[in-house]
Amino acid sequence: MRAVADEHIAFVAGALDIGDSDHTLALRLADEVITEQPYAPISSEALKHVRASLQQVALLVICPMPIGPGNIALLREAVAAAQRGLPVMLFSSPERLSLCSNDGHRQQTSSNHVLLAELATLDYTGGEALKLFEMLLQHHLVVVHLLSEILTMAKEAQTSFPKV
């Protein structure tokens, strides 16, 4: 969030739980923060706010996080947004950079398996989150390993599709 704000790229953050360090940081840096109560499932009000925001933004960036019954709805919204054509990026750890190169279909298929194996370790929904990530991959999820990649794509998206 700091890097995006430093580049003067407008962004919406959330839904983030009150008291979470990400929430505190977002309140200082984001143009808009979607707030949720801690240790509770995503409320219908916050979900409506997320859905409305996804109609207005030019790019969605997902940072890996544990996905449980309380926040699986956010991943469902990401899939719905991708199905409508919103570009979706997953920020992934740099150590997988060599594994997830786009050098040929065989390498990409292998990298998807590596990525899904790692995402499975974050899935506390009995496999639903992993299925949603698979759906995102089918809708051209872009996996990025460097913050500079996110900044470049966000700047391009901002100039191509300015917020109204």
C-alpha atoms as a PDB file:
ATOM      1  CA  MET A   1       0.000   0.000   0.000  1.00  0.00           C
ATOM      2  CA  ARG A   2       2.867   2.366   0.766  1.00  0.00           C
ATOM      3  CA  ALA A   3       4.394   1.920  -2.679  1.00  0.00           C
ATOM      4  CA  VAL A   4       1.057   2.461  -4.427  1.00  0.00           C
ATOM      5  CA  ALA A   5       0.369   5.595  -2.395  1.00  0.00           C
ATOM      6  CA  ASP A   6       3.925   6.873  -3.001  1.00  0.00           C
ATOM      7  CA  GLU A   7       3.258   6.601  -6.747  1.00  0.00           C
ATOM      8  CA  HIS A   8       0.045   8.659  -6.308  1.00  0.00           C
ATOM      9  CA  ILE A   9      -2.110   5.814  -7.600  1.00  0.00           C
ATOM     10  CA  ALA A  10      -5.646   6.018  -6.257  1.00  0.00           C
ATOM     11  CA  PHE A  11      -6.810   2.794  -4.621  1.00  0.00           C
ATOM     12  CA  VAL A  12      -9.510   1.199  -2.517  1.00  0.00           C
ATOM     13  CA  ALA A  13      -8.481  -1.212   0.244  1.00  0.00           C
ATOM     14  CA  GLY A  14     -10.645  -3.825   1.856  1.00  0.00           C
ATOM     15  CA  ALA A  15     -12.568  -5.294   3.289  1.00  0.00           C
ATOM     16  CA  LEU A  16     -10.138  -5.028   6.198  1.00  0.00           C
ATOM     17  CA  ASP A  17     -10.799  -5.780   9.847  1.00  0.00           C
ATOM     18  CA  ILE A  18     -10.750  -2.988  12.409  1.00  0.00           C
ATOM     19  CA  GLY A  19      -7.608  -3.282  14.493  1.00  0.00           C
ATOM     20  CA  ASP A  20      -5.646  -5.162  11.840  1.00  0.00           C
ATOM     21  CA  SER A  21      -2.335  -3.499  10.948  1.00  0.00           C
ATOM     22  CA  ASP A  22      -3.397  -3.477   7.265  1.00  0.00           C
ATOM     23  CA  HIS A  23      -6.552  -1.592   8.214  1.00  0.00           C
ATOM     24  CA  THR A  24      -4.588   1.000  10.178  1.00  0.00           C
ATOM     25  CA  LEU A  25      -2.173   1.525   7.301  1.00  0.00           C
ATOM     26  CA  ALA A  26      -4.992   1.677   4.736  1.00  0.00           C
ATOM     27  CA  LEU A  27      -6.739   4.408   6.718  1.00  0.00           C
ATOM     28  CA  ARG A  28      -3.624   6.541   6.259  1.00  0.00           C
ATOM     29  CA  LEU A  29      -2.888   5.710   2.618  1.00  0.00           C
ATOM     30  CA  ALA A  30      -5.939   4.540   0.664  1.00  0.00           C
ATOM     31  CA  ASP A  31      -8.449   6.785  -1.052  1.00  0.00           C
ATOM     32  CA  GLU A  32     -11.176   4.580   0.359  1.00  0.00           C
ATOM     33  CA  VAL A  33     -11.182   1.797   2.971  1.00  0.00           C
ATOM     34  CA  ILE A  34     -13.859  -0.839   3.289  1.00  0.00           C
ATOM     35  CA  THR A  35     -14.018  -1.676   6.992  1.00  0.00           C
ATOM     36  CA  GLU A  36     -15.260  -4.831   8.664  1.00  0.00           C
ATOM     37  CA  GLN A  37     -15.601  -6.002  12.254  1.00  0.00           C
ATOM     38  CA  PRO A  38     -12.817  -8.306  13.439  1.00  0.00           C
ATOM     39  CA  TYR A  39     -13.366 -12.062  13.798  1.00  0.00           C
ATOM     40  CA  ALA A  40     -16.670 -11.909  11.942  1.00  0.00           C
ATOM     41  CA  PRO A  41     -17.808 -13.031   8.513  1.00  0.00           C
ATOM     42  CA  ILE A  42     -17.961 -10.340   5.864  1.00  0.00           C
ATOM     43  CA  SER A  43     -21.207  -8.460   6.449  1.00  0.00           C
ATOM     44  CA  SER A  44     -23.713  -7.914   3.669  1.00  0.00           C
ATOM     45  CA  GLU A  45     -23.050  -4.166   3.942  1.00  0.00           C
ATOM     46  CA  ALA A  46     -19.291  -4.565   3.475  1.00  0.00           C
ATOM     47  CA  LEU A  47     -19.870  -7.035   0.645  1.00  0.00           C
ATOM     48  CA  LYS A  48     -22.123  -4.525  -1.144  1.00  0.00           C
ATOM     49  CA  HIS A  49     -19.391  -1.928  -0.738  1.00  0.00           C
ATOM     50  CA  VAL A  50     -16.762  -4.335  -2.162  1.00  0.00           C
ATOM     51  CA  ARG A  51     -19.035  -5.200  -5.082  1.00  0.00           C
ATOM     52  CA  ALA A  52     -19.662  -1.527  -5.863  1.00  0.00           C
ATOM     53  CA  SER A  53     -15.950  -0.737  -5.656  1.00  0.00           C
ATOM     54  CA  LEU A  54     -15.101  -3.576  -8.025  1.00  0.00           C
ATOM     55  CA  GLN A  55     -17.461  -1.991 -10.558  1.00  0.00           C
ATOM     56  CA  GLN A  56     -15.420   1.232 -10.414  1.00  0.00           C
ATOM     57  CA  VAL A  57     -11.780   0.118 -10.301  1.00  0.00           C
ATOM     58  CA  ALA A  58      -9.548  -0.707 -13.272  1.00  0.00           C
ATOM     59  CA  LEU A  59      -7.523  -3.468 -11.570  1.00  0.00           C
ATOM     60  CA  LEU A  60      -7.831  -5.839  -8.616  1.00  0.00           C
ATOM     61  CA  VAL A  61      -4.723  -6.914  -6.698  1.00  0.00           C
ATOM     62  CA  ILE A  62      -5.011  -9.876  -4.328  1.00  0.00           C
ATOM     63  CA  CYS A  63      -2.360 -10.419  -1.689  1.00  0.00           C
ATOM     64  CA  PRO A  64      -2.049 -13.988  -0.388  1.00  0.00           C
ATOM     65  CA  MET A  65      -3.832 -14.420   2.910  1.00  0.00           C
ATOM     66  CA  PRO A  66      -5.526 -17.231   4.753  1.00  0.00           C
ATOM     67  CA  ILE A  67      -9.003 -17.768   3.312  1.00  0.00           C
ATOM     68  CA  GLY A  68     -11.607 -19.053   5.722  1.00  0.00           C
ATOM     69  CA  PRO A  69     -15.372 -19.108   6.024  1.00  0.00           C
ATOM     70  CA  GLY A  70     -15.322 -15.476   7.177  1.00  0.00           C
ATOM     71  CA  ASN A  71     -13.673 -14.032   4.077  1.00  0.00           C
ATOM     72  CA  ILE A  72     -14.378 -16.524   1.273  1.00  0.00           C
ATOM     73  CA  ALA A  73     -17.053 -14.111   0.013  1.00  0.00           C
ATOM     74  CA  LEU A  74     -14.280 -11.684  -1.003  1.00  0.00           C
ATOM     75  CA  LEU A  75     -12.685 -14.314  -3.213  1.00  0.00           C
ATOM     76  CA  ARG A  76     -16.079 -15.083  -4.757  1.00  0.00           C
ATOM     77  CA  GLU A  77     -16.418 -11.390  -5.603  1.00  0.00           C
ATOM     78  CA  ALA A  78     -12.944 -11.439  -7.179  1.00  0.00           C
ATOM     79  CA  VAL A  79     -14.009 -14.321  -9.426  1.00  0.00           C
ATOM     80  CA  ALA A  80     -17.215 -12.523 -10.405  1.00  0.00           C
ATOM     81  CA  ALA A  81     -15.215  -9.382 -11.233  1.00  0.00           C
ATOM     82  CA  ALA A  82     -12.739 -11.409 -13.326  1.00  0.00           C
ATOM     83  CA  GLN A  83     -15.645 -13.011 -15.184  1.00  0.00           C
ATOM     84  CA  ARG A  84     -16.889  -9.486 -16.013  1.00  0.00           C
ATOM     85  CA  GLY A  85     -13.450  -8.693 -17.443  1.00  0.00           C
ATOM     86  CA  LEU A  86     -11.715  -6.888 -14.581  1.00  0.00           C
ATOM     87  CA  PRO A  87      -7.975  -7.625 -14.659  1.00  0.00           C
ATOM     88  CA  VAL A  88      -6.946  -9.503 -11.508  1.00  0.00           C
ATOM     89  CA  MET A  89      -3.395  -9.815 -10.191  1.00  0.00           C
ATOM     90  CA  LEU A  90      -2.119 -12.070  -7.426  1.00  0.00           C
ATOM     91  CA  PHE A  91       0.961 -10.798  -5.614  1.00  0.00           C
ATOM     92  CA  SER A  92       3.102 -13.864  -5.025  1.00  0.00           C
ATOM     93  CA  SER A  93       6.396 -14.396  -3.229  1.00  0.00           C
ATOM     94  CA  PRO A  94       9.562 -13.594  -5.221  1.00  0.00           C
ATOM     95  CA  GLU A  95      11.150 -16.981  -4.438  1.00  0.00           C
ATOM     96  CA  ARG A  96       8.752 -18.585  -6.937  1.00  0.00           C
ATOM     97  CA  LEU A  97       9.864 -16.192  -9.680  1.00  0.00           C
ATOM     98  CA  SER A  98      11.915 -18.846 -11.472  1.00  0.00           C
ATOM     99  CA  LEU A  99       9.171 -21.453 -11.094  1.00  0.00           C
ATOM    100  CA  CYS A 100       6.385 -19.296 -12.478  1.00  0.00           C
ATOM    101  CA  SER A 101       7.926 -17.900 -15.648  1.00  0.00           C
ATOM    102  CA  ASN A 102       5.813 -17.720 -18.775  1.00  0.00           C
ATOM    103  CA  ASP A 103       8.328 -19.675 -20.912  1.00  0.00           C
ATOM    104  CA  GLY A 104       6.002 -22.062 -22.680  1.00  0.00           C
ATOM    105  CA  HIS A 105       2.782 -23.862 -21.842  1.00  0.00           C
ATOM    106  CA  ARG A 106       4.450 -26.759 -20.049  1.00  0.00           C
ATOM    107  CA  GLN A 107       6.305 -24.388 -17.712  1.00  0.00           C
ATOM    108  CA  GLN A 108       3.134 -22.344 -17.135  1.00  0.00           C
ATOM    109  CA  THR A 109       1.130 -25.470 -16.316  1.00  0.00           C
ATOM    110  CA  SER A 110       3.846 -26.521 -13.890  1.00  0.00           C
ATOM    111  CA  SER A 111       3.939 -23.074 -12.315  1.00  0.00           C
ATOM    112  CA  ASN A 112       0.146 -23.136 -11.871  1.00  0.00           C
ATOM    113  CA  HIS A 113       0.489 -26.410  -9.954  1.00  0.00           C
ATOM    114  CA  VAL A 114       3.173 -24.868  -7.741  1.00  0.00           C
ATOM    115  CA  LEU A 115       1.039 -21.783  -7.184  1.00  0.00           C
ATOM    116  CA  LEU A 116      -2.087 -23.807  -6.401  1.00  0.00           C
ATOM    117  CA  ALA A 117      -0.113 -26.010  -4.004  1.00  0.00           C
ATOM    118  CA  GLU A 118       0.978 -22.925  -2.095  1.00  0.00           C
ATOM    119  CA  LEU A 119      -2.509 -21.403  -2.156  1.00  0.00           C
ATOM    120  CA  ALA A 120      -3.879 -24.697  -0.805  1.00  0.00           C
ATOM    121  CA  THR A 121      -1.884 -24.039   2.380  1.00  0.00           C
ATOM    122  CA  LEU A 122      -3.924 -20.846   2.831  1.00  0.00           C
ATOM    123  CA  ASP A 123      -7.290 -22.534   2.202  1.00  0.00           C
ATOM    124  CA  TYR A 124      -9.325 -23.118   5.353  1.00  0.00           C
ATOM    125  CA  THR A 125     -12.598 -23.639   3.476  1.00  0.00           C
ATOM    126  CA  GLY A 126     -12.339 -27.337   2.670  1.00  0.00           C
ATOM    127  CA  GLY A 127     -11.138 -26.624  -0.869  1.00  0.00           C
ATOM    128  CA  GLU A 128     -13.579 -23.922  -1.969  1.00  0.00           C
ATOM    129  CA  ALA A 129     -10.904 -21.193  -1.977  1.00  0.00           C
ATOM    130  CA  LEU A 130      -8.604 -23.350  -4.086  1.00  0.00           C
ATOM    131  CA  LYS A 131     -11.411 -23.924  -6.615  1.00  0.00           C
ATOM    132  CA  LEU A 132     -11.988 -20.169  -6.771  1.00  0.00           C
ATOM    133  CA  PHE A 133      -8.273 -19.561  -7.400  1.00  0.00           C
ATOM    134  CA  GLU A 134      -8.438 -22.171 -10.183  1.00  0.00           C
ATOM    135  CA  MET A 135     -11.344 -20.220 -11.679  1.00  0.00           C
ATOM    136  CA  LEU A 136      -9.283 -17.032 -11.471  1.00  0.00           C
ATOM    137  CA  LEU A 137      -6.450 -18.761 -13.331  1.00  0.00           C
ATOM    138  CA  GLN A 138      -8.943 -19.700 -16.058  1.00  0.00           C
ATOM    139  CA  HIS A 139      -9.885 -16.006 -16.306  1.00  0.00           C
ATOM    140  CA  HIS A 140      -6.280 -14.950 -16.905  1.00  0.00           C
ATOM    141  CA  LEU A 141      -5.193 -14.227 -13.355  1.00  0.00           C
ATOM    142  CA  VAL A 142      -1.811 -12.523 -13.598  1.00  0.00           C
ATOM    143  CA  VAL A 143       0.661 -13.704 -10.982  1.00  0.00           C
ATOM    144  CA  VAL A 144       3.248 -11.062 -10.133  1.00  0.00           C
ATOM    145  CA  HIS A 145       6.338 -11.456  -8.006  1.00  0.00           C
ATOM    146  CA  LEU A 146       7.700  -7.929  -7.898  1.00  0.00           C
ATOM    147  CA  LEU A 147       6.095  -4.815  -6.508  1.00  0.00           C
ATOM    148  CA  SER A 148       7.350  -2.897  -9.536  1.00  0.00           C
ATOM    149  CA  GLU A 149       5.134  -5.105 -11.750  1.00  0.00           C
ATOM    150  CA  ILE A 150       2.067  -4.142  -9.744  1.00  0.00           C
ATOM    151  CA  LEU A 151       2.965  -0.459  -9.900  1.00  0.00           C
ATOM    152  CA  THR A 152       3.509  -0.569 -13.658  1.00  0.00           C
ATOM    153  CA  MET A 153       0.209  -2.360 -14.303  1.00  0.00           C
ATOM    154  CA  ALA A 154      -1.660  -0.096 -11.878  1.00  0.00           C
ATOM    155  CA  LYS A 155      -0.329   3.038 -13.617  1.00  0.00           C
ATOM    156  CA  GLU A 156      -1.301   1.613 -17.009  1.00  0.00           C
ATOM    157  CA  ALA A 157      -4.748   0.666 -15.745  1.00  0.00           C
ATOM    158  CA  GLN A 158      -5.227   4.089 -14.190  1.00  0.00           C
ATOM    159  CA  THR A 159      -4.424   5.899 -17.429  1.00  0.00           C
ATOM    160  CA  SER A 160      -6.381   3.464 -19.596  1.00  0.00           C
ATOM    161  CA  PHE A 161      -9.473   3.464 -17.390  1.00  0.00           C
ATOM    162  CA  PRO A 162      -9.562   6.595 -15.228  1.00  0.00           C
ATOM    163  CA  LYS A 163     -11.940   6.413 -12.286  1.00  0.00           C
ATOM    164  CA  VAL A 164     -15.193   8.267 -12.883  1.00  0.00           C
END
